[in-house]
Amino acid sequence: MSEILSAQDLRLLVERVFQPSSQDKGLAIIVDLPDDRLADNPDWTHRREMAANWYRELLTEQENLGLERITLAWFRNAGGNNADLPATCVPGDGLTVWGNADDLEGKEMPFTELFDTHSMVLAPTELSATAPLKVATRGAAFRAATMPGFLPSMIPALRLDYNEINRRVNLLKDWLDVATVAHFDFEAGEDTHHLVLDLRHNQGHASGGLFPTNGIAGNLPSGEAYIVPYEGNIDGDASGSQGTLPVQIGNEVVVYAIESNKAVQVLTKGPESEREAAHLTAEPAYANLAELGLGVLGDFGLKPTGSILLDEKLGLHIAFGRSDHFGGSVGPDDFSGPDAVIHLDRVYIPETQPKVIVREVRLATPGLEDRVIIADGVFVGL
């Protein structure tokens, strides 16, 4: 299957993802640039060239899309995944593909102005812009599809049956909405681990890769339901999230002790365990369990690409760190600085964590029998 999107492919993609109406007058493609904090890499170079090509191709479809403007905007990278965007960007001509933010020339435009004049935003970036765009779209007259780390190998995922994907993720969201506890049974070597996540006070979200109305932002490609575990942010009501959580990092299984929805200790020994323990000490906000995610794209035959944008949509994932973009209480101000802000997903599929087996995930709902939603790594009941 081709790994290049033609002008017609791109028009159909915009029409399917955003479902533009007569009220939509502008589409923006925003792209981040390397600087002395974050060096370039071949995938990033290719992504910038791809974004510029998308812009040029979409210009030929502008009339068919009924748009008054299509803009390609470059900006200095935010310094970290899901960190706040800089205040300004620089519109480009699609011919010059900038290699470094320090070389960027042109008239700066505030992001607020860009968002005011473009109701649809595509963000094929190196660093994830999902969190700041989720915050920026709330109550605003634009919507955004974020594509952090997008690679040509992900293009087949843009051609899936998103009606069926939306059916599945909305069903999972409905189950998360009424559940108060999620129970996890993991197996790592000869050890078993049990984790409880407190789901009280929060609602689930469905991200099916379609953004037809303003005020929302999410990943593209997508296919997950997710929820922020209760973080204990209500006075007098502690979080009940607790247990042990195994994560394979490299060849090492790191085991975290979880109390009150935070990783309070690393129980294992080894180089990765030491690094994780140091990270928890240096950045206490990183210890927050920020997301329970249930990706469904693995059921459609997709395999990991090495980019979290797609890989997290393939199955169960649990994230550490920032949660405010999902409705939680941990945000950029809780970290030591912009470069330290992180929302890090750990994906539980055999290709990414072969030493950790998900034996069971079940949801507890008051007045009902527990619902098993994953058994031996496979979704049940979808």
Protein backbone atom coordinates (compact mmCIF):
# COMPACT_ATOMS: atom_id res chain seq x y z
CA MET A 1 0.00 0.00 0.00
CA SER A 2 1.28 3.46 -0.89
CA GLU A 3 3.00 5.46 1.85
CA ILE A 4 2.30 8.76 0.07
CA LEU A 5 -0.93 10.71 0.30
CA SER A 6 -2.05 12.35 -2.94
CA ALA A 7 -3.94 15.64 -3.06
CA GLN A 8 -7.19 13.70 -3.36
CA ASP A 9 -6.21 11.42 -0.44
CA LEU A 10 -5.53 14.49 1.68
CA ARG A 11 -8.82 16.15 0.74
CA LEU A 12 -10.72 12.97 1.62
CA LEU A 13 -8.77 12.73 4.88
CA VAL A 14 -9.69 16.31 5.86
CA GLU A 15 -13.32 15.69 4.90
CA ARG A 16 -13.50 12.49 6.94
CA VAL A 17 -11.57 13.67 10.01
CA PHE A 18 -13.00 17.18 10.35
CA GLN A 19 -16.27 16.90 8.39
CA PRO A 20 -16.01 20.58 7.40
CA SER A 21 -19.11 22.72 7.02
CA SER A 22 -19.77 26.11 5.47
CA GLN A 23 -18.64 27.65 8.77
CA ASP A 24 -15.10 26.32 8.32
CA LYS A 25 -12.94 28.82 6.43
CA GLY A 26 -9.38 27.86 7.35
CA LEU A 27 -7.10 24.84 7.77
CA ALA A 28 -3.66 25.11 9.42
CA ILE A 29 -0.79 22.65 9.43
CA ILE A 30 1.58 23.39 12.32
CA VAL A 31 5.09 21.93 12.47
CA ASP A 32 7.78 22.21 15.15
CA LEU A 33 11.47 22.82 14.49
CA PRO A 34 14.73 21.64 16.09
CA ASP A 35 16.92 23.99 18.09
CA ASP A 36 19.93 23.79 20.38
CA ARG A 37 17.83 22.01 23.03
CA LEU A 38 16.60 19.25 20.73
CA ALA A 39 18.65 18.13 17.74
CA ASP A 40 17.19 17.08 14.42
CA ASN A 41 16.81 13.44 13.37
CA PRO A 42 16.00 11.74 10.04
CA ASP A 43 12.34 11.04 10.89
CA TRP A 44 11.83 14.64 11.94
CA THR A 45 13.45 15.92 8.75
CA HIS A 46 11.22 13.67 6.67
CA ARG A 47 8.11 14.73 8.62
CA ARG A 48 8.78 18.41 7.93
CA GLU A 49 9.20 17.68 4.23
CA MET A 50 6.01 15.62 4.30
CA ALA A 51 4.07 18.44 6.00
CA ALA A 52 5.26 20.96 3.42
CA ASN A 53 4.20 18.57 0.66
CA TRP A 54 0.78 18.11 2.28
CA TYR A 55 0.40 21.89 2.32
CA ARG A 56 1.28 22.21 -1.38
CA GLU A 57 -1.06 19.36 -2.32
CA LEU A 58 -3.94 20.70 -0.24
CA LEU A 59 -3.64 24.10 -1.90
CA THR A 60 -4.75 22.39 -5.11
CA GLU A 61 -7.86 21.13 -3.27
CA GLN A 62 -8.64 24.37 -1.44
CA GLU A 63 -11.61 25.24 -3.64
CA ASN A 64 -13.01 21.69 -3.38
CA LEU A 65 -12.78 21.95 0.40
CA GLY A 66 -14.56 25.30 0.36
CA LEU A 67 -11.80 27.04 2.31
CA GLU A 68 -10.64 30.64 2.18
CA ARG A 69 -7.19 29.88 3.58
CA ILE A 70 -4.76 27.03 4.16
CA THR A 71 -1.67 27.89 6.21
CA LEU A 72 1.57 26.07 6.94
CA ALA A 73 3.03 27.40 10.21
CA TRP A 74 6.47 26.65 11.65
CA PHE A 75 7.36 27.03 15.32
CA ARG A 76 10.17 26.37 17.78
CA ASN A 77 9.70 23.01 19.50
CA ALA A 78 8.11 23.20 22.95
CA GLY A 79 11.06 21.54 24.67
CA GLY A 80 9.20 18.45 25.82
CA ASN A 81 6.28 16.24 24.91
CA ASN A 82 2.98 17.91 25.84
CA ALA A 83 4.69 21.06 27.09
CA ASP A 84 2.98 24.37 26.33
CA LEU A 85 3.44 25.74 22.83
CA PRO A 86 5.45 28.92 22.29
CA ALA A 87 3.45 32.11 21.88
CA THR A 88 4.06 32.53 18.15
CA CYS A 89 4.56 30.70 14.88
CA VAL A 90 5.75 31.79 11.41
CA PRO A 91 3.63 31.05 8.32
CA GLY A 92 5.63 29.54 5.45
CA ASP A 93 5.36 29.18 1.68
CA GLY A 94 5.66 25.39 1.56
CA LEU A 95 8.82 25.62 -0.55
CA THR A 96 11.33 26.41 2.21
CA VAL A 97 11.56 23.55 4.69
CA TRP A 98 13.31 25.00 7.74
CA GLY A 99 15.94 22.92 9.48
CA ASN A 100 16.36 24.87 12.70
CA ALA A 101 14.25 27.32 14.67
CA ASP A 102 17.15 29.75 14.91
CA ASP A 103 17.17 30.10 11.11
CA LEU A 104 13.42 30.71 10.82
CA GLU A 105 12.54 33.93 8.98
CA GLY A 106 9.22 35.62 8.38
CA LYS A 107 6.52 37.56 10.15
CA GLU A 108 5.55 36.03 13.45
CA MET A 109 1.90 35.26 14.11
CA PRO A 110 0.50 34.64 17.60
CA PHE A 111 -0.92 31.15 17.91
CA THR A 112 -4.08 32.76 19.25
CA GLU A 113 -4.51 34.57 15.93
CA LEU A 114 -3.84 31.40 13.95
CA PHE A 115 -6.47 29.52 15.94
CA ASP A 116 -8.96 32.38 15.58
CA THR A 117 -8.70 32.25 11.78
CA HIS A 118 -8.31 28.49 11.21
CA SER A 119 -11.00 26.24 12.65
CA MET A 120 -9.19 23.04 11.64
CA VAL A 121 -5.61 22.26 12.71
CA LEU A 122 -3.33 19.37 11.77
CA ALA A 123 -0.21 19.00 13.93
CA PRO A 124 2.36 16.54 12.49
CA THR A 125 5.03 17.39 15.06
CA GLU A 126 8.11 15.80 16.59
CA LEU A 127 7.00 16.56 20.16
CA SER A 128 3.42 15.88 21.13
CA ALA A 129 1.23 18.98 21.08
CA THR A 130 -1.83 17.06 22.25
CA ALA A 131 -1.97 18.43 25.79
CA PRO A 132 -1.64 22.15 24.97
CA LEU A 133 -4.06 21.84 22.04
CA LYS A 134 -6.62 20.02 24.16
CA VAL A 135 -6.42 22.92 26.59
CA ALA A 136 -6.48 25.56 23.84
CA THR A 137 -9.52 24.10 22.07
CA ARG A 138 -11.74 24.07 25.16
CA GLY A 139 -14.55 26.49 24.42
CA ALA A 140 -12.72 27.79 21.34
CA ALA A 141 -13.83 27.95 17.71
CA PHE A 142 -11.35 25.42 16.38
CA ARG A 143 -10.50 21.73 16.59
CA ALA A 144 -7.22 19.90 16.18
CA ALA A 145 -5.90 16.53 15.07
CA THR A 146 -2.47 15.94 16.59
CA MET A 147 0.04 13.65 14.87
CA PRO A 148 3.18 13.57 17.06
CA GLY A 149 5.91 11.38 15.64
CA PHE A 150 3.86 10.60 12.54
CA LEU A 151 5.65 8.33 10.07
CA PRO A 152 4.77 7.20 6.55
CA SER A 153 4.40 3.68 7.95
CA MET A 154 1.31 4.93 9.81
CA ILE A 155 -0.55 5.95 6.65
CA PRO A 156 -2.39 2.58 6.46
CA ALA A 157 -3.89 3.40 9.87
CA LEU A 158 -5.52 6.47 8.30
CA ARG A 159 -7.46 4.18 5.94
CA LEU A 160 -9.15 1.97 8.57
CA ASP A 161 -12.90 1.66 9.17
CA TYR A 162 -13.27 4.50 11.65
CA ASN A 163 -17.01 3.95 12.00
CA GLU A 164 -16.24 0.56 13.57
CA ILE A 165 -13.35 2.02 15.56
CA ASN A 166 -15.66 4.71 16.94
CA ARG A 167 -18.25 2.09 17.87
CA ARG A 168 -15.68 0.17 19.91
CA VAL A 169 -14.11 3.14 21.67
CA ASN A 170 -17.51 4.59 22.55
CA LEU A 171 -18.56 1.26 24.07
CA LEU A 172 -15.38 1.21 26.15
CA LYS A 173 -16.01 4.81 27.19
CA ASP A 174 -19.51 3.87 28.36
CA TRP A 175 -18.03 1.11 30.52
CA LEU A 176 -15.39 3.44 31.97
CA ASP A 177 -18.01 6.10 32.74
CA VAL A 178 -19.90 3.89 35.19
CA ALA A 179 -16.97 1.93 36.63
CA THR A 180 -15.48 3.01 39.96
CA VAL A 181 -12.46 0.67 40.02
CA ALA A 182 -10.23 -1.03 37.45
CA HIS A 183 -8.38 -4.20 38.51
CA PHE A 184 -5.25 -5.36 36.67
CA ASP A 185 -3.48 -8.71 36.93
CA PHE A 186 -0.01 -8.79 35.38
CA GLU A 187 2.52 -11.61 35.09
CA ALA A 188 6.24 -10.89 34.76
CA GLY A 189 8.45 -13.95 34.86
CA GLU A 190 7.53 -15.92 37.97
CA ASP A 191 5.98 -12.91 39.65
CA THR A 192 2.38 -11.74 39.59
CA HIS A 193 1.31 -8.15 40.20
CA HIS A 194 -2.04 -6.66 41.03
CA LEU A 195 -2.91 -3.02 40.48
CA VAL A 196 -6.08 -1.16 41.41
CA LEU A 197 -6.93 2.14 39.76
CA ASP A 198 -9.57 4.35 41.37
CA LEU A 199 -11.90 5.61 38.63
CA ARG A 200 -14.25 7.63 40.81
CA HIS A 201 -15.11 11.26 40.05
CA ASN A 202 -13.84 11.15 36.45
CA GLN A 203 -15.47 10.37 33.11
CA GLY A 204 -14.09 8.39 30.21
CA HIS A 205 -13.19 9.84 26.83
CA ALA A 206 -13.54 8.33 23.37
CA SER A 207 -10.93 9.18 20.75
CA GLY A 208 -11.88 7.60 17.45
CA GLY A 209 -9.96 9.84 15.06
CA LEU A 210 -12.94 12.01 14.09
CA PHE A 211 -13.19 15.70 15.06
CA PRO A 212 -16.40 17.07 13.53
CA THR A 213 -17.05 19.86 16.05
CA ASN A 214 -15.00 22.69 17.50
CA GLY A 215 -13.67 22.59 21.03
CA ILE A 216 -11.91 19.22 20.84
CA ALA A 217 -8.44 17.91 20.06
CA GLY A 218 -6.99 14.43 19.87
CA ASN A 219 -4.62 12.10 18.10
CA LEU A 220 -4.74 11.05 14.47
CA PRO A 221 -4.60 8.17 13.76
CA SER A 222 -6.60 7.22 16.81
CA GLY A 223 -8.69 4.50 18.34
CA GLU A 224 -8.79 4.50 22.11
CA ALA A 225 -10.96 5.12 25.12
CA TYR A 226 -9.22 6.59 28.14
CA ILE A 227 -9.79 7.97 31.61
CA VAL A 228 -7.76 9.79 34.24
CA PRO A 229 -7.63 7.77 37.46
CA TYR A 230 -8.81 9.75 40.46
CA GLU A 231 -5.76 11.62 41.75
CA GLY A 232 -6.98 12.42 45.27
CA ASN A 233 -7.43 16.11 44.50
CA ILE A 234 -10.65 16.43 46.55
CA ASP A 235 -9.98 17.42 50.15
CA GLY A 236 -10.66 14.55 52.52
CA ASP A 237 -11.07 11.97 49.76
CA ALA A 238 -7.86 10.05 49.10
CA SER A 239 -7.31 8.12 45.90
CA GLY A 240 -7.70 4.37 46.21
CA SER A 241 -5.24 3.56 43.43
CA GLN A 242 -2.67 1.16 44.83
CA GLY A 243 -0.69 -2.01 44.16
CA THR A 244 2.33 -2.85 42.03
CA LEU A 245 2.86 -1.99 38.39
CA PRO A 246 5.46 -3.76 36.22
CA VAL A 247 6.87 -1.98 33.15
CA GLN A 248 9.45 -3.46 30.80
CA ILE A 249 12.03 -0.82 29.86
CA GLY A 250 14.61 -2.25 27.50
CA ASN A 251 15.33 -5.77 28.75
CA GLU A 252 14.57 -4.93 32.37
CA VAL A 253 11.22 -5.19 34.15
CA VAL A 254 10.86 -2.22 36.48
CA VAL A 255 8.30 -2.65 39.26
CA TYR A 256 6.72 0.40 40.89
CA ALA A 257 4.91 0.47 44.23
CA ILE A 258 1.72 2.48 43.79
CA GLU A 259 -0.02 4.32 46.64
CA SER A 260 -2.71 7.01 46.34
CA ASN A 261 -2.30 6.99 42.54
CA LYS A 262 1.42 7.71 42.66
CA ALA A 263 4.53 5.63 42.10
CA VAL A 264 6.11 5.99 45.52
CA GLN A 265 8.98 3.55 45.13
CA VAL A 266 10.83 1.37 42.62
CA LEU A 267 10.97 -2.14 44.04
CA THR A 268 13.43 -3.67 41.57
CA LYS A 269 17.18 -3.35 41.05
CA GLY A 270 19.01 -2.61 37.83
CA PRO A 271 20.11 0.28 35.62
CA GLU A 272 16.60 1.13 34.39
CA SER A 273 15.17 0.81 37.89
CA GLU A 274 17.80 3.22 39.18
CA ARG A 275 17.04 5.71 36.42
CA GLU A 276 13.31 5.52 37.12
CA ALA A 277 13.83 5.94 40.86
CA ALA A 278 15.95 9.02 40.20
CA HIS A 279 13.28 10.44 37.87
CA LEU A 280 10.58 9.98 40.51
CA THR A 281 12.75 11.82 43.03
CA ALA A 282 13.69 14.65 40.69
CA GLU A 283 10.17 15.14 39.28
CA PRO A 284 7.46 14.09 41.74
CA ALA A 285 4.74 15.00 39.20
CA TYR A 286 6.10 12.26 36.94
CA ALA A 287 4.98 9.75 39.60
CA ASN A 288 1.33 10.53 38.93
CA LEU A 289 -0.66 7.81 37.15
CA ALA A 290 -2.19 10.07 34.53
CA GLU A 291 -4.16 7.79 32.24
CA LEU A 292 -5.71 4.40 31.76
CA GLY A 293 -5.92 3.95 27.99
CA LEU A 294 -7.59 1.20 25.99
CA GLY A 295 -6.44 1.20 22.37
CA VAL A 296 -8.28 -0.98 19.86
CA LEU A 297 -6.23 -0.72 16.66
CA GLY A 298 -4.32 -3.91 17.41
CA ASP A 299 -7.54 -5.79 16.62
CA PHE A 300 -7.31 -4.42 13.06
CA GLY A 301 -3.96 -6.07 12.42
CA LEU A 302 -1.72 -3.05 12.93
CA LYS A 303 1.74 -3.50 14.43
CA PRO A 304 3.97 -1.07 16.35
CA THR A 305 5.92 1.51 14.38
CA GLY A 306 8.12 2.78 17.19
CA SER A 307 6.10 5.98 17.53
CA ILE A 308 3.85 6.34 20.55
CA LEU A 309 1.23 8.12 18.43
CA LEU A 310 0.22 4.81 16.91
CA ASP A 311 1.66 2.30 19.35
CA GLU A 312 -0.47 3.44 22.30
CA LYS A 313 -3.60 2.87 20.18
CA LEU A 314 -2.77 -0.83 19.77
CA GLY A 315 -3.79 -1.94 23.26
CA LEU A 316 -3.75 -1.27 26.99
CA HIS A 317 -1.55 1.61 28.13
CA ILE A 318 -0.95 3.33 31.44
CA ALA A 319 0.66 6.77 31.54
CA PHE A 320 2.77 8.67 34.05
CA GLY A 321 2.87 12.44 34.52
CA ARG A 322 0.72 15.23 33.13
CA SER A 323 -3.08 14.74 33.19
CA ASP A 324 -4.74 18.17 33.05
CA HIS A 325 -5.29 17.92 29.28
CA PHE A 326 -7.49 14.88 29.99
CA GLY A 327 -9.37 16.57 32.83
CA GLY A 328 -6.96 15.66 35.61
CA SER A 329 -5.19 17.90 38.09
CA VAL A 330 -1.46 17.57 37.23
CA GLY A 331 -0.23 20.22 34.80
CA PRO A 332 2.94 21.99 33.64
CA ASP A 333 3.23 24.07 36.83
CA ASP A 334 3.71 20.86 38.82
CA PHE A 335 7.00 20.12 37.04
CA SER A 336 10.34 21.82 37.55
CA GLY A 337 10.24 23.49 34.12
CA PRO A 338 8.89 23.23 30.57
CA ASP A 339 11.56 20.74 29.53
CA ALA A 340 10.52 18.40 32.34
CA VAL A 341 6.81 18.25 31.50
CA ILE A 342 5.91 14.74 30.44
CA HIS A 343 2.97 12.46 29.75
CA LEU A 344 4.58 9.06 29.17
CA ASP A 345 2.53 6.07 28.00
CA ARG A 346 3.63 2.52 28.78
CA VAL A 347 2.02 0.20 26.22
CA TYR A 348 1.18 -3.37 27.20
CA ILE A 349 1.39 -5.40 24.02
CA PRO A 350 3.79 -8.30 23.30
CA GLU A 351 5.86 -6.33 20.79
CA THR A 352 6.65 -3.54 23.28
CA GLN A 353 6.65 -5.42 26.60
CA PRO A 354 7.17 -9.13 25.88
CA LYS A 355 8.21 -9.85 29.48
CA VAL A 356 4.96 -8.49 30.95
CA ILE A 357 1.71 -10.37 30.29
CA VAL A 358 -1.69 -8.78 30.91
CA ARG A 359 -3.66 -11.67 32.37
CA GLU A 360 -6.81 -9.73 33.13
CA VAL A 361 -8.34 -6.28 33.27
CA ARG A 362 -11.76 -5.98 34.84
CA LEU A 363 -13.98 -3.06 35.73
CA ALA A 364 -16.00 -2.89 38.95
CA THR A 365 -19.32 -1.04 38.78
CA PRO A 366 -21.61 -0.61 41.82
CA GLY A 367 -24.57 -2.97 41.69
CA LEU A 368 -23.19 -5.03 38.79
CA GLU A 369 -20.88 -8.00 38.36
CA ASP A 370 -17.31 -7.12 37.49
CA ARG A 371 -16.85 -6.82 33.73
CA VAL A 372 -13.74 -8.49 32.28
CA ILE A 373 -12.61 -6.35 29.34
CA ILE A 374 -9.19 -7.92 28.67
CA ALA A 375 -8.29 -11.59 29.13
CA ASP A 376 -4.77 -12.80 28.34
CA GLY A 377 -4.07 -9.59 26.45
CA VAL A 378 -7.18 -9.76 24.24
CA PHE A 379 -10.27 -7.54 24.43
CA VAL A 380 -13.47 -9.30 25.50
CA GLY A 381 -17.02 -8.29 24.63
CA LEU A 382 -16.37 -5.72 21.91
